[in-house]
Amino acid sequence: MNALLDLILLVLRLYSYLLVAWVVLSWLIAFNVINTHNRFVYAVTDFLDRITEPVLRPIRRVLPTMNGIDLSPVVLILLIYFLSRLLIEYWPT
């Protein structure tokens, strides 16, 4: 059972890393640091959008916008952290 818990925690940690990568990449695109016409950048951006957008969309519906700042990734990272701590605390041994 501990192997299953470790796998779940690893997937949650990996997803939070992908979420941080998506945030950093979106900032770099917004400030024209990287070019989205590059095939590799487009592929990475498309992958990260497909992975993160379905989870972020419901949070964006509930969370009000704050002067154009998207706080949904922060909320999702906090939820992932809370879920992982909850799993560690209450997982049957």
N, C-alpha and C. Protein backbone atom coordinates (compact mmCIF):
# COMPACT_ATOMS: atom_id res chain seq x y z
N MET A 1 0.81 -1.20 0.00
CA MET A 1 0.00 0.00 0.00
C MET A 1 0.85 1.26 0.00
N ASN A 2 2.03 1.19 0.62
CA ASN A 2 2.88 2.37 0.64
C ASN A 2 3.43 2.70 -0.75
N ALA A 3 3.59 1.69 -1.58
CA ALA A 3 4.06 1.94 -2.94
C ALA A 3 3.01 2.73 -3.73
N LEU A 4 1.74 2.42 -3.51
CA LEU A 4 0.67 3.17 -4.17
C LEU A 4 0.63 4.61 -3.70
N LEU A 5 0.81 4.82 -2.40
CA LEU A 5 0.87 6.18 -1.86
C LEU A 5 2.05 6.94 -2.45
N ASP A 6 3.19 6.29 -2.54
CA ASP A 6 4.36 6.94 -3.14
C ASP A 6 4.13 7.31 -4.59
N LEU A 7 3.45 6.44 -5.33
CA LEU A 7 3.15 6.73 -6.73
C LEU A 7 2.19 7.92 -6.85
N ILE A 8 1.16 7.96 -6.02
CA ILE A 8 0.21 9.08 -6.05
C ILE A 8 0.90 10.39 -5.70
N LEU A 9 1.74 10.36 -4.68
CA LEU A 9 2.46 11.58 -4.29
C LEU A 9 3.44 12.03 -5.38
N LEU A 10 4.06 11.07 -6.06
CA LEU A 10 4.96 11.41 -7.15
C LEU A 10 4.21 12.06 -8.31
N VAL A 11 3.04 11.53 -8.64
CA VAL A 11 2.24 12.12 -9.72
C VAL A 11 1.78 13.53 -9.34
N LEU A 12 1.38 13.72 -8.10
CA LEU A 12 0.97 15.06 -7.66
C LEU A 12 2.13 16.04 -7.71
N ARG A 13 3.31 15.60 -7.28
CA ARG A 13 4.49 16.47 -7.31
C ARG A 13 4.88 16.79 -8.75
N LEU A 14 4.83 15.80 -9.63
CA LEU A 14 5.15 16.02 -11.04
C LEU A 14 4.17 17.00 -11.68
N TYR A 15 2.89 16.86 -11.33
CA TYR A 15 1.89 17.78 -11.89
C TYR A 15 2.12 19.20 -11.40
N SER A 16 2.51 19.36 -10.15
CA SER A 16 2.78 20.71 -9.66
C SER A 16 4.00 21.31 -10.35
N TYR A 17 5.01 20.48 -10.67
CA TYR A 17 6.16 20.98 -11.42
C TYR A 17 5.75 21.40 -12.84
N LEU A 18 4.89 20.61 -13.46
CA LEU A 18 4.40 20.99 -14.79
C LEU A 18 3.60 22.28 -14.74
N LEU A 19 2.88 22.47 -13.67
CA LEU A 19 2.10 23.70 -13.50
C LEU A 19 3.01 24.91 -13.36
N VAL A 20 4.08 24.77 -12.59
CA VAL A 20 5.04 25.87 -12.45
C VAL A 20 5.73 26.15 -13.79
N ALA A 21 6.05 25.11 -14.52
CA ALA A 21 6.67 25.29 -15.85
C ALA A 21 5.71 26.02 -16.78
N TRP A 22 4.42 25.71 -16.71
CA TRP A 22 3.43 26.39 -17.55
C TRP A 22 3.34 27.88 -17.19
N VAL A 23 3.38 28.18 -15.90
CA VAL A 23 3.31 29.59 -15.46
C VAL A 23 4.53 30.36 -15.96
N VAL A 24 5.71 29.80 -15.78
CA VAL A 24 6.93 30.48 -16.22
C VAL A 24 6.93 30.65 -17.74
N LEU A 25 6.52 29.62 -18.46
CA LEU A 25 6.47 29.71 -19.92
C LEU A 25 5.45 30.76 -20.37
N SER A 26 4.32 30.84 -19.71
CA SER A 26 3.32 31.84 -20.10
C SER A 26 3.83 33.26 -19.83
N TRP A 27 4.60 33.44 -18.77
CA TRP A 27 5.20 34.77 -18.52
C TRP A 27 6.22 35.11 -19.60
N LEU A 28 7.04 34.13 -19.97
CA LEU A 28 8.04 34.38 -21.01
C LEU A 28 7.39 34.70 -22.34
N ILE A 29 6.29 34.07 -22.64
CA ILE A 29 5.56 34.37 -23.88
C ILE A 29 4.91 35.74 -23.79
N ALA A 30 4.34 36.08 -22.64
CA ALA A 30 3.66 37.37 -22.48
C ALA A 30 4.64 38.54 -22.61
N PHE A 31 5.87 38.37 -22.17
CA PHE A 31 6.86 39.44 -22.25
C PHE A 31 7.74 39.34 -23.48
N ASN A 32 7.35 38.51 -24.45
CA ASN A 32 8.07 38.35 -25.72
C ASN A 32 9.53 37.96 -25.54
N VAL A 33 9.81 37.14 -24.55
CA VAL A 33 11.17 36.64 -24.36
C VAL A 33 11.41 35.46 -25.28
N ILE A 34 10.41 34.63 -25.45
CA ILE A 34 10.53 33.51 -26.38
C ILE A 34 9.47 33.63 -27.46
N ASN A 35 9.74 33.03 -28.58
CA ASN A 35 8.88 33.14 -29.75
C ASN A 35 8.05 31.86 -29.88
N THR A 36 6.74 32.01 -29.96
CA THR A 36 5.87 30.85 -30.08
C THR A 36 5.86 30.27 -31.49
N HIS A 37 6.48 30.94 -32.44
CA HIS A 37 6.56 30.39 -33.79
C HIS A 37 7.63 29.31 -33.91
N ASN A 38 8.47 29.20 -32.89
CA ASN A 38 9.44 28.12 -32.84
C ASN A 38 8.69 26.81 -32.61
N ARG A 39 9.02 25.80 -33.38
CA ARG A 39 8.29 24.53 -33.32
C ARG A 39 8.39 23.86 -31.95
N PHE A 40 9.57 23.87 -31.34
CA PHE A 40 9.75 23.25 -30.03
C PHE A 40 8.97 24.00 -28.95
N VAL A 41 9.04 25.32 -28.96
CA VAL A 41 8.32 26.12 -27.98
C VAL A 41 6.82 25.91 -28.13
N TYR A 42 6.35 25.84 -29.37
CA TYR A 42 4.94 25.60 -29.60
C TYR A 42 4.52 24.23 -29.09
N ALA A 43 5.33 23.22 -29.31
CA ALA A 43 5.00 21.87 -28.85
C ALA A 43 4.95 21.81 -27.32
N VAL A 44 5.91 22.43 -26.66
CA VAL A 44 5.93 22.43 -25.20
C VAL A 44 4.73 23.21 -24.65
N THR A 45 4.45 24.35 -25.24
CA THR A 45 3.31 25.16 -24.80
C THR A 45 2.00 24.42 -25.01
N ASP A 46 1.86 23.77 -26.14
CA ASP A 46 0.64 23.02 -26.42
C ASP A 46 0.48 21.87 -25.43
N PHE A 47 1.55 21.15 -25.14
CA PHE A 47 1.49 20.05 -24.17
C PHE A 47 1.09 20.56 -22.79
N LEU A 48 1.73 21.63 -22.34
CA LEU A 48 1.42 22.15 -21.01
C LEU A 48 0.00 22.71 -20.93
N ASP A 49 -0.46 23.32 -22.01
CA ASP A 49 -1.85 23.80 -22.04
C ASP A 49 -2.83 22.64 -21.94
N ARG A 50 -2.57 21.58 -22.67
CA ARG A 50 -3.48 20.43 -22.65
C ARG A 50 -3.49 19.74 -21.29
N ILE A 51 -2.37 19.77 -20.59
CA ILE A 51 -2.28 19.11 -19.28
C ILE A 51 -2.91 19.96 -18.17
N THR A 52 -2.68 21.26 -18.21
CA THR A 52 -3.10 22.11 -17.09
C THR A 52 -4.47 22.76 -17.26
N GLU A 53 -4.85 23.06 -18.48
CA GLU A 53 -6.09 23.83 -18.69
C GLU A 53 -7.35 23.13 -18.19
N PRO A 54 -7.54 21.83 -18.38
CA PRO A 54 -8.78 21.21 -17.87
C PRO A 54 -8.93 21.30 -16.35
N VAL A 55 -7.83 21.36 -15.63
CA VAL A 55 -7.91 21.45 -14.17
C VAL A 55 -8.04 22.90 -13.73
N LEU A 56 -7.43 23.81 -14.46
CA LEU A 56 -7.47 25.22 -14.08
C LEU A 56 -8.80 25.90 -14.45
N ARG A 57 -9.46 25.41 -15.47
CA ARG A 57 -10.70 26.04 -15.94
C ARG A 57 -11.79 26.14 -14.87
N PRO A 58 -12.08 25.08 -14.11
CA PRO A 58 -13.10 25.22 -13.05
C PRO A 58 -12.70 26.19 -11.94
N ILE A 59 -11.40 26.26 -11.66
CA ILE A 59 -10.94 27.20 -10.63
C ILE A 59 -11.10 28.62 -11.13
N ARG A 60 -10.84 28.85 -12.40
CA ARG A 60 -10.99 30.20 -12.97
C ARG A 60 -12.45 30.65 -12.98
N ARG A 61 -13.37 29.71 -13.12
CA ARG A 61 -14.79 30.07 -13.09
C ARG A 61 -15.21 30.59 -11.73
N VAL A 62 -14.64 30.01 -10.68
CA VAL A 62 -15.02 30.37 -9.31
C VAL A 62 -14.23 31.57 -8.81
N LEU A 63 -12.95 31.63 -9.15
CA LEU A 63 -12.05 32.65 -8.64
C LEU A 63 -12.21 33.94 -9.44
N PRO A 64 -12.40 35.07 -8.77
CA PRO A 64 -12.50 36.34 -9.51
C PRO A 64 -11.13 36.77 -10.02
N THR A 65 -11.12 37.48 -11.15
CA THR A 65 -9.85 37.99 -11.68
C THR A 65 -9.41 39.20 -10.86
N MET A 66 -8.12 39.32 -10.71
CA MET A 66 -7.57 40.42 -9.92
C MET A 66 -6.67 41.26 -10.80
N ASN A 67 -7.26 42.22 -11.51
CA ASN A 67 -6.53 43.14 -12.38
C ASN A 67 -5.69 42.42 -13.43
N GLY A 68 -6.24 41.39 -14.01
CA GLY A 68 -5.55 40.66 -15.06
C GLY A 68 -4.56 39.62 -14.57
N ILE A 69 -4.46 39.42 -13.27
CA ILE A 69 -3.55 38.42 -12.72
C ILE A 69 -4.33 37.13 -12.49
N ASP A 70 -3.82 36.05 -13.03
CA ASP A 70 -4.47 34.75 -12.90
C ASP A 70 -3.91 34.04 -11.67
N LEU A 71 -4.72 33.90 -10.65
CA LEU A 71 -4.29 33.25 -9.42
C LEU A 71 -4.68 31.78 -9.35
N SER A 72 -5.29 31.27 -10.40
CA SER A 72 -5.72 29.87 -10.37
C SER A 72 -4.56 28.87 -10.23
N PRO A 73 -3.38 29.10 -10.81
CA PRO A 73 -2.28 28.16 -10.57
C PRO A 73 -1.84 28.12 -9.11
N VAL A 74 -1.88 29.26 -8.45
CA VAL A 74 -1.51 29.29 -7.03
C VAL A 74 -2.51 28.49 -6.21
N VAL A 75 -3.79 28.67 -6.51
CA VAL A 75 -4.83 27.93 -5.81
C VAL A 75 -4.67 26.43 -6.06
N LEU A 76 -4.38 26.06 -7.28
CA LEU A 76 -4.21 24.64 -7.60
C LEU A 76 -2.98 24.04 -6.91
N ILE A 77 -1.90 24.78 -6.85
CA ILE A 77 -0.71 24.28 -6.15
C ILE A 77 -1.01 24.10 -4.67
N LEU A 78 -1.74 25.03 -4.08
CA LEU A 78 -2.12 24.89 -2.68
C LEU A 78 -3.04 23.68 -2.47
N LEU A 79 -3.96 23.46 -3.40
CA LEU A 79 -4.84 22.29 -3.30
C LEU A 79 -4.05 20.98 -3.44
N ILE A 80 -3.08 20.96 -4.33
CA ILE A 80 -2.24 19.76 -4.49
C ILE A 80 -1.45 19.52 -3.22
N TYR A 81 -0.90 20.57 -2.64
CA TYR A 81 -0.15 20.42 -1.39
C TYR A 81 -1.06 19.91 -0.28
N PHE A 82 -2.25 20.49 -0.17
CA PHE A 82 -3.20 20.06 0.85
C PHE A 82 -3.59 18.60 0.65
N LEU A 83 -3.86 18.20 -0.57
CA LEU A 83 -4.23 16.82 -0.86
C LEU A 83 -3.10 15.85 -0.53
N SER A 84 -1.88 16.23 -0.86
CA SER A 84 -0.76 15.34 -0.56
C SER A 84 -0.55 15.21 0.94
N ARG A 85 -0.68 16.29 1.69
CA ARG A 85 -0.55 16.21 3.14
C ARG A 85 -1.68 15.39 3.75
N LEU A 86 -2.87 15.54 3.20
CA LEU A 86 -4.02 14.76 3.66
C LEU A 86 -3.81 13.28 3.40
N LEU A 87 -3.29 12.93 2.24
CA LEU A 87 -3.01 11.54 1.92
C LEU A 87 -1.95 10.95 2.84
N ILE A 88 -0.92 11.71 3.11
CA ILE A 88 0.14 11.22 4.00
C ILE A 88 -0.40 10.99 5.40
N GLU A 89 -1.24 11.90 5.85
CA GLU A 89 -1.76 11.81 7.22
C GLU A 89 -2.73 10.66 7.42
N TYR A 90 -3.62 10.46 6.46
CA TYR A 90 -4.71 9.51 6.66
C TYR A 90 -4.62 8.24 5.83
N TRP A 91 -3.50 8.00 5.18
CA TRP A 91 -3.35 6.77 4.40
C TRP A 91 -3.23 5.58 5.38
N PRO A 92 -4.02 4.55 5.16
CA PRO A 92 -3.94 3.39 6.08
C PRO A 92 -2.61 2.66 5.91
N THR A 93 -2.01 2.31 7.02
CA THR A 93 -0.72 1.62 6.97
C THR A 93 -0.87 0.13 7.20
